[in-house]
Amino acid sequence: MTLFITPSTERLQLRQWRDSDRSPFAALNADPQVMEFFPEPLSRSQSDAIADRCESLIEQNGWGFWAVELKSTGQFIGFVGLHRPIDALPFAPCVEIGWRLAPAFWGRGLATEAAHACLQTGFSTLGLTEIVAFTAEPNLRSRAVMERLGMQADGLFEHPSLAPGHALRTHCLYRLARSAYQPHGGSAMPMASNN
């Protein structure tokens, strides 16, 4: 039986995906501002395939890229979570932390808040010894979140999924060891259930 983990914070609930998340997620993935540091905005079918994969991995493992909702309204705002990325990455195998929120929710500390809950879950509940993050080199907003989380830059790499010469191929790698993690002042409360 899979143990399902659903981290929460003061303002946010991280949870399994729902059918009602598909439309706002597709709008987020079609937004050129959100997808500025990805190869291209996504079609509805591409977005749905990502949501299906996220849902399936949480179903299998009990954790993954969780849907994020505001506790105050129940509104879906994007995803934040932990994931095992492709083996072709030069630092794989590993577990990465990642996020993608709708622009209306940028600049409020929500990605950082949710990511702290994920780091605490990864280190305390899952027993991970290290969590990585990576993004296209020019993505300063995402890199700033990584640095606020206490992650340390560990050089550049060429993302194997992007063609040589692609403007976004060079990525920054960040790492955080469990021994170096400083829990966020706000309490993250990973909850688990056997549902």
C-alpha atoms as a PDB file:
ATOM      1  CA  MET A   1       0.000   0.000   0.000  1.00  0.00           C
ATOM      2  CA  THR A   2       1.389   3.400  -1.012  1.00  0.00           C
ATOM      3  CA  LEU A   3       1.743   6.046   1.688  1.00  0.00           C
ATOM      4  CA  PHE A   4       0.459   9.319   0.204  1.00  0.00           C
ATOM      5  CA  ILE A   5       2.225  12.434   1.444  1.00  0.00           C
ATOM      6  CA  THR A   6       0.402  15.784   1.295  1.00  0.00           C
ATOM      7  CA  PRO A   7       2.582  18.600   2.653  1.00  0.00           C
ATOM      8  CA  SER A   8       0.935  21.813   3.769  1.00  0.00           C
ATOM      9  CA  THR A   9       2.010  25.236   4.955  1.00  0.00           C
ATOM     10  CA  GLU A  10       0.230  28.143   6.564  1.00  0.00           C
ATOM     11  CA  ARG A  11      -1.139  29.299   3.196  1.00  0.00           C
ATOM     12  CA  LEU A  12      -0.861  26.291   0.902  1.00  0.00           C
ATOM     13  CA  GLN A  13      -2.018  22.702   0.499  1.00  0.00           C
ATOM     14  CA  LEU A  14       0.016  20.387  -1.729  1.00  0.00           C
ATOM     15  CA  ARG A  15      -2.126  17.504  -2.954  1.00  0.00           C
ATOM     16  CA  GLN A  16      -2.882  14.932  -5.624  1.00  0.00           C
ATOM     17  CA  TRP A  17      -4.074  16.263  -8.970  1.00  0.00           C
ATOM     18  CA  ARG A  18      -7.791  16.608  -9.816  1.00  0.00           C
ATOM     19  CA  ASP A  19      -9.612  16.817 -13.142  1.00  0.00           C
ATOM     20  CA  SER A  20     -10.543  20.410 -12.281  1.00  0.00           C
ATOM     21  CA  ASP A  21      -6.814  21.324 -12.269  1.00  0.00           C
ATOM     22  CA  ARG A  22      -6.424  20.537 -15.976  1.00  0.00           C
ATOM     23  CA  SER A  23      -7.885  23.785 -17.409  1.00  0.00           C
ATOM     24  CA  PRO A  24      -5.983  26.237 -15.173  1.00  0.00           C
ATOM     25  CA  PHE A  25      -2.817  24.149 -15.626  1.00  0.00           C
ATOM     26  CA  ALA A  26      -3.217  24.304 -19.415  1.00  0.00           C
ATOM     27  CA  ALA A  27      -3.655  28.093 -19.220  1.00  0.00           C
ATOM     28  CA  LEU A  28      -0.491  28.345 -17.105  1.00  0.00           C
ATOM     29  CA  ASN A  29       1.485  26.178 -19.570  1.00  0.00           C
ATOM     30  CA  ALA A  30       0.225  28.179 -22.569  1.00  0.00           C
ATOM     31  CA  ASP A  31       1.337  31.481 -21.010  1.00  0.00           C
ATOM     32  CA  PRO A  32       4.501  32.782 -22.742  1.00  0.00           C
ATOM     33  CA  GLN A  33       5.579  34.548 -19.523  1.00  0.00           C
ATOM     34  CA  VAL A  34       5.459  31.283 -17.528  1.00  0.00           C
ATOM     35  CA  MET A  35       7.168  29.327 -20.309  1.00  0.00           C
ATOM     36  CA  GLU A  36       9.836  31.945 -21.087  1.00  0.00           C
ATOM     37  CA  PHE A  37      12.658  29.617 -19.988  1.00  0.00           C
ATOM     38  CA  PHE A  38      11.200  26.441 -21.509  1.00  0.00           C
ATOM     39  CA  PRO A  39      11.463  25.498 -25.188  1.00  0.00           C
ATOM     40  CA  GLU A  40       7.902  26.667 -25.964  1.00  0.00           C
ATOM     41  CA  PRO A  41       4.418  27.112 -24.507  1.00  0.00           C
ATOM     42  CA  LEU A  42       2.459  23.864 -24.357  1.00  0.00           C
ATOM     43  CA  SER A  43      -0.740  22.784 -26.091  1.00  0.00           C
ATOM     44  CA  ARG A  44      -3.684  21.537 -24.035  1.00  0.00           C
ATOM     45  CA  SER A  45      -2.840  17.918 -24.863  1.00  0.00           C
ATOM     46  CA  GLN A  46       0.818  18.405 -23.863  1.00  0.00           C
ATOM     47  CA  SER A  47      -0.245  20.054 -20.600  1.00  0.00           C
ATOM     48  CA  ASP A  48      -2.754  17.293 -19.837  1.00  0.00           C
ATOM     49  CA  ALA A  49      -0.043  14.679 -20.458  1.00  0.00           C
ATOM     50  CA  ILE A  50       2.192  16.358 -17.844  1.00  0.00           C
ATOM     51  CA  ALA A  51      -0.662  16.493 -15.324  1.00  0.00           C
ATOM     52  CA  ASP A  52      -1.456  12.820 -16.012  1.00  0.00           C
ATOM     53  CA  ARG A  53       2.201  11.879 -15.471  1.00  0.00           C
ATOM     54  CA  CYS A  54       2.388  13.884 -12.230  1.00  0.00           C
ATOM     55  CA  GLU A  55      -0.803  12.236 -10.980  1.00  0.00           C
ATOM     56  CA  SER A  56       0.437   8.771 -11.944  1.00  0.00           C
ATOM     57  CA  LEU A  57       3.807   9.212 -10.206  1.00  0.00           C
ATOM     58  CA  ILE A  58       2.129  10.399  -6.996  1.00  0.00           C
ATOM     59  CA  GLU A  59      -0.200   7.395  -7.224  1.00  0.00           C
ATOM     60  CA  GLN A  60       2.827   5.075  -7.593  1.00  0.00           C
ATOM     61  CA  ASN A  61       5.237   6.698  -5.123  1.00  0.00           C
ATOM     62  CA  GLY A  62       3.088   8.727  -2.723  1.00  0.00           C
ATOM     63  CA  TRP A  63       4.996  11.902  -3.676  1.00  0.00           C
ATOM     64  CA  GLY A  64       5.964  13.916  -6.747  1.00  0.00           C
ATOM     65  CA  PHE A  65       5.076  17.224  -8.350  1.00  0.00           C
ATOM     66  CA  TRP A  66       2.008  18.045  -6.257  1.00  0.00           C
ATOM     67  CA  ALA A  67      -0.817  20.330  -7.326  1.00  0.00           C
ATOM     68  CA  VAL A  68      -0.779  23.441  -5.110  1.00  0.00           C
ATOM     69  CA  GLU A  69      -3.884  25.224  -3.891  1.00  0.00           C
ATOM     70  CA  LEU A  70      -4.454  28.246  -1.699  1.00  0.00           C
ATOM     71  CA  LYS A  71      -5.939  27.134   1.613  1.00  0.00           C
ATOM     72  CA  SER A  72      -8.008  30.315   1.827  1.00  0.00           C
ATOM     73  CA  THR A  73      -9.887  29.698  -1.442  1.00  0.00           C
ATOM     74  CA  GLY A  74      -9.044  26.191  -2.673  1.00  0.00           C
ATOM     75  CA  GLN A  75      -7.796  27.747  -5.928  1.00  0.00           C
ATOM     76  CA  PHE A  76      -5.255  25.761  -7.963  1.00  0.00           C
ATOM     77  CA  ILE A  77      -2.147  27.922  -8.538  1.00  0.00           C
ATOM     78  CA  GLY A  78       0.375  25.500 -10.098  1.00  0.00           C
ATOM     79  CA  PHE A  79       2.670  22.724  -8.933  1.00  0.00           C
ATOM     80  CA  VAL A  80       5.607  22.306  -6.568  1.00  0.00           C
ATOM     81  CA  GLY A  81       7.284  19.081  -5.597  1.00  0.00           C
ATOM     82  CA  LEU A  82       9.950  16.432  -5.833  1.00  0.00           C
ATOM     83  CA  HIS A  83      10.748  14.318  -8.863  1.00  0.00           C
ATOM     84  CA  ARG A  84      13.307  11.854 -10.214  1.00  0.00           C
ATOM     85  CA  PRO A  85      14.450  13.450 -13.505  1.00  0.00           C
ATOM     86  CA  ILE A  86      15.701  11.704 -16.632  1.00  0.00           C
ATOM     87  CA  ASP A  87      18.771   9.507 -16.315  1.00  0.00           C
ATOM     88  CA  ALA A  88      20.525  11.329 -19.180  1.00  0.00           C
ATOM     89  CA  LEU A  89      21.302  14.284 -16.910  1.00  0.00           C
ATOM     90  CA  PRO A  90      25.007  14.347 -15.986  1.00  0.00           C
ATOM     91  CA  PHE A  91      24.241  14.316 -12.234  1.00  0.00           C
ATOM     92  CA  ALA A  92      21.570  11.572 -12.271  1.00  0.00           C
ATOM     93  CA  PRO A  93      20.328   9.586 -10.479  1.00  0.00           C
ATOM     94  CA  CYS A  94      18.945  12.219  -8.148  1.00  0.00           C
ATOM     95  CA  VAL A  95      15.770  13.810  -6.805  1.00  0.00           C
ATOM     96  CA  GLU A  96      14.992  17.334  -7.962  1.00  0.00           C
ATOM     97  CA  ILE A  97      12.733  19.993  -6.521  1.00  0.00           C
ATOM     98  CA  GLY A  98      10.733  22.041  -9.000  1.00  0.00           C
ATOM     99  CA  TRP A  99       7.870  24.516  -9.255  1.00  0.00           C
ATOM    100  CA  ARG A 100       5.647  26.273 -11.759  1.00  0.00           C
ATOM    101  CA  LEU A 101       3.074  28.806 -10.567  1.00  0.00           C
ATOM    102  CA  ALA A 102       0.640  31.058 -12.413  1.00  0.00           C
ATOM    103  CA  PRO A 103       2.021  34.623 -12.737  1.00  0.00           C
ATOM    104  CA  ALA A 104      -0.801  36.081 -10.631  1.00  0.00           C
ATOM    105  CA  PHE A 105       0.841  34.306  -7.675  1.00  0.00           C
ATOM    106  CA  TRP A 106       4.451  35.333  -8.299  1.00  0.00           C
ATOM    107  CA  GLY A 107       6.190  37.701  -5.897  1.00  0.00           C
ATOM    108  CA  ARG A 108       4.307  36.542  -2.786  1.00  0.00           C
ATOM    109  CA  GLY A 109       6.816  33.987  -1.506  1.00  0.00           C
ATOM    110  CA  LEU A 110       4.470  31.099  -2.347  1.00  0.00           C
ATOM    111  CA  ALA A 111       6.975  29.081  -4.400  1.00  0.00           C
ATOM    112  CA  THR A 112       9.554  29.409  -1.620  1.00  0.00           C
ATOM    113  CA  GLU A 113       6.999  28.501   1.062  1.00  0.00           C
ATOM    114  CA  ALA A 114       5.815  25.394  -0.791  1.00  0.00           C
ATOM    115  CA  ALA A 115       9.374  24.405  -1.690  1.00  0.00           C
ATOM    116  CA  HIS A 116      10.424  24.543   1.977  1.00  0.00           C
ATOM    117  CA  ALA A 117       7.611  22.100   2.771  1.00  0.00           C
ATOM    118  CA  CYS A 118       8.880  19.829  -0.003  1.00  0.00           C
ATOM    119  CA  LEU A 119      12.476  19.991   1.227  1.00  0.00           C
ATOM    120  CA  GLN A 120      11.362  19.136   4.748  1.00  0.00           C
ATOM    121  CA  THR A 121       9.322  16.239   3.379  1.00  0.00           C
ATOM    122  CA  GLY A 122      12.222  15.025   1.251  1.00  0.00           C
ATOM    123  CA  PHE A 123      14.757  15.097   4.045  1.00  0.00           C
ATOM    124  CA  SER A 124      12.597  14.163   7.054  1.00  0.00           C
ATOM    125  CA  THR A 125       9.921  11.872   5.622  1.00  0.00           C
ATOM    126  CA  LEU A 126      11.613  10.345   2.570  1.00  0.00           C
ATOM    127  CA  GLY A 127      15.109  10.237   4.087  1.00  0.00           C
ATOM    128  CA  LEU A 128      16.828  11.818   1.087  1.00  0.00           C
ATOM    129  CA  THR A 129      20.444  12.873   1.601  1.00  0.00           C
ATOM    130  CA  GLU A 130      20.478  15.484  -1.178  1.00  0.00           C
ATOM    131  CA  ILE A 131      17.995  17.371  -3.350  1.00  0.00           C
ATOM    132  CA  VAL A 132      18.958  19.198  -6.542  1.00  0.00           C
ATOM    133  CA  ALA A 133      17.343  21.908  -8.650  1.00  0.00           C
ATOM    134  CA  PHE A 134      18.163  23.166 -12.106  1.00  0.00           C
ATOM    135  CA  THR A 135      16.957  25.765 -14.562  1.00  0.00           C
ATOM    136  CA  ALA A 136      18.005  27.540 -17.723  1.00  0.00           C
ATOM    137  CA  GLU A 137      20.890  29.883 -16.942  1.00  0.00           C
ATOM    138  CA  PRO A 138      18.982  33.141 -17.661  1.00  0.00           C
ATOM    139  CA  ASN A 139      16.055  32.209 -15.357  1.00  0.00           C
ATOM    140  CA  LEU A 140      17.044  34.556 -12.540  1.00  0.00           C
ATOM    141  CA  ARG A 141      13.634  34.388 -10.806  1.00  0.00           C
ATOM    142  CA  SER A 142      13.839  30.618 -10.336  1.00  0.00           C
ATOM    143  CA  ARG A 143      17.511  30.775  -9.369  1.00  0.00           C
ATOM    144  CA  ALA A 144      16.609  33.323  -6.668  1.00  0.00           C
ATOM    145  CA  VAL A 145      14.099  30.852  -5.191  1.00  0.00           C
ATOM    146  CA  MET A 146      16.797  28.161  -5.151  1.00  0.00           C
ATOM    147  CA  GLU A 147      19.137  30.506  -3.306  1.00  0.00           C
ATOM    148  CA  ARG A 148      16.433  31.523  -0.788  1.00  0.00           C
ATOM    149  CA  LEU A 149      16.004  27.811  -0.064  1.00  0.00           C
ATOM    150  CA  GLY A 150      19.688  27.620   0.889  1.00  0.00           C
ATOM    151  CA  MET A 151      20.693  25.668  -2.210  1.00  0.00           C
ATOM    152  CA  GLN A 152      24.254  26.121  -3.454  1.00  0.00           C
ATOM    153  CA  ALA A 153      25.186  26.683  -7.105  1.00  0.00           C
ATOM    154  CA  ASP A 154      27.225  23.783  -8.488  1.00  0.00           C
ATOM    155  CA  GLY A 155      28.137  24.872 -11.991  1.00  0.00           C
ATOM    156  CA  LEU A 156      26.573  24.687 -15.415  1.00  0.00           C
ATOM    157  CA  PHE A 157      25.602  21.789 -17.665  1.00  0.00           C
ATOM    158  CA  GLU A 158      24.153  21.322 -21.132  1.00  0.00           C
ATOM    159  CA  HIS A 159      20.607  19.935 -20.885  1.00  0.00           C
ATOM    160  CA  PRO A 160      20.550  16.741 -22.988  1.00  0.00           C
ATOM    161  CA  SER A 161      16.906  17.237 -24.039  1.00  0.00           C
ATOM    162  CA  LEU A 162      17.740  20.476 -25.877  1.00  0.00           C
ATOM    163  CA  ALA A 163      19.656  20.583 -29.164  1.00  0.00           C
ATOM    164  CA  PRO A 164      23.212  21.932 -29.266  1.00  0.00           C
ATOM    165  CA  GLY A 165      23.064  25.665 -29.882  1.00  0.00           C
ATOM    166  CA  HIS A 166      19.570  26.048 -28.358  1.00  0.00           C
ATOM    167  CA  ALA A 167      19.387  29.341 -26.436  1.00  0.00           C
ATOM    168  CA  LEU A 168      18.195  27.561 -23.262  1.00  0.00           C
ATOM    169  CA  ARG A 169      20.494  24.514 -23.381  1.00  0.00           C
ATOM    170  CA  THR A 170      22.907  25.807 -20.716  1.00  0.00           C
ATOM    171  CA  HIS A 171      21.422  25.144 -17.285  1.00  0.00           C
ATOM    172  CA  CYS A 172      22.504  25.990 -13.733  1.00  0.00           C
ATOM    173  CA  LEU A 173      22.645  23.179 -11.191  1.00  0.00           C
ATOM    174  CA  TYR A 174      21.960  23.779  -7.499  1.00  0.00           C
ATOM    175  CA  ARG A 175      22.350  21.283  -4.648  1.00  0.00           C
ATOM    176  CA  LEU A 176      21.250  21.048  -1.035  1.00  0.00           C
ATOM    177  CA  ALA A 177      22.468  18.341   1.341  1.00  0.00           C
ATOM    178  CA  ARG A 178      20.275  17.229   4.220  1.00  0.00           C
ATOM    179  CA  SER A 179      23.108  18.176   6.600  1.00  0.00           C
ATOM    180  CA  ALA A 180      23.036  21.779   5.310  1.00  0.00           C
ATOM    181  CA  TYR A 181      19.249  22.239   5.265  1.00  0.00           C
ATOM    182  CA  GLN A 182      17.845  24.941   7.541  1.00  0.00           C
ATOM    183  CA  PRO A 183      14.079  24.476   7.951  1.00  0.00           C
ATOM    184  CA  HIS A 184      11.965  27.508   7.109  1.00  0.00           C
ATOM    185  CA  GLY A 185      10.635  29.593   9.999  1.00  0.00           C
ATOM    186  CA  GLY A 186       7.059  28.680   9.085  1.00  0.00           C
ATOM    187  CA  SER A 187       6.242  25.119   9.965  1.00  0.00           C
ATOM    188  CA  ALA A 188       5.716  22.699   7.133  1.00  0.00           C
ATOM    189  CA  MET A 189       3.474  19.861   8.141  1.00  0.00           C
ATOM    190  CA  PRO A 190       3.884  16.834   5.886  1.00  0.00           C
ATOM    191  CA  MET A 191       0.839  14.659   6.369  1.00  0.00           C
ATOM    192  CA  ALA A 192       0.546  11.086   5.215  1.00  0.00           C
ATOM    193  CA  SER A 193      -2.422   8.846   4.618  1.00  0.00           C
ATOM    194  CA  ASN A 194      -3.015   5.405   3.199  1.00  0.00           C
ATOM    195  CA  ASN A 195      -5.926   6.559   1.016  1.00  0.00           C
END
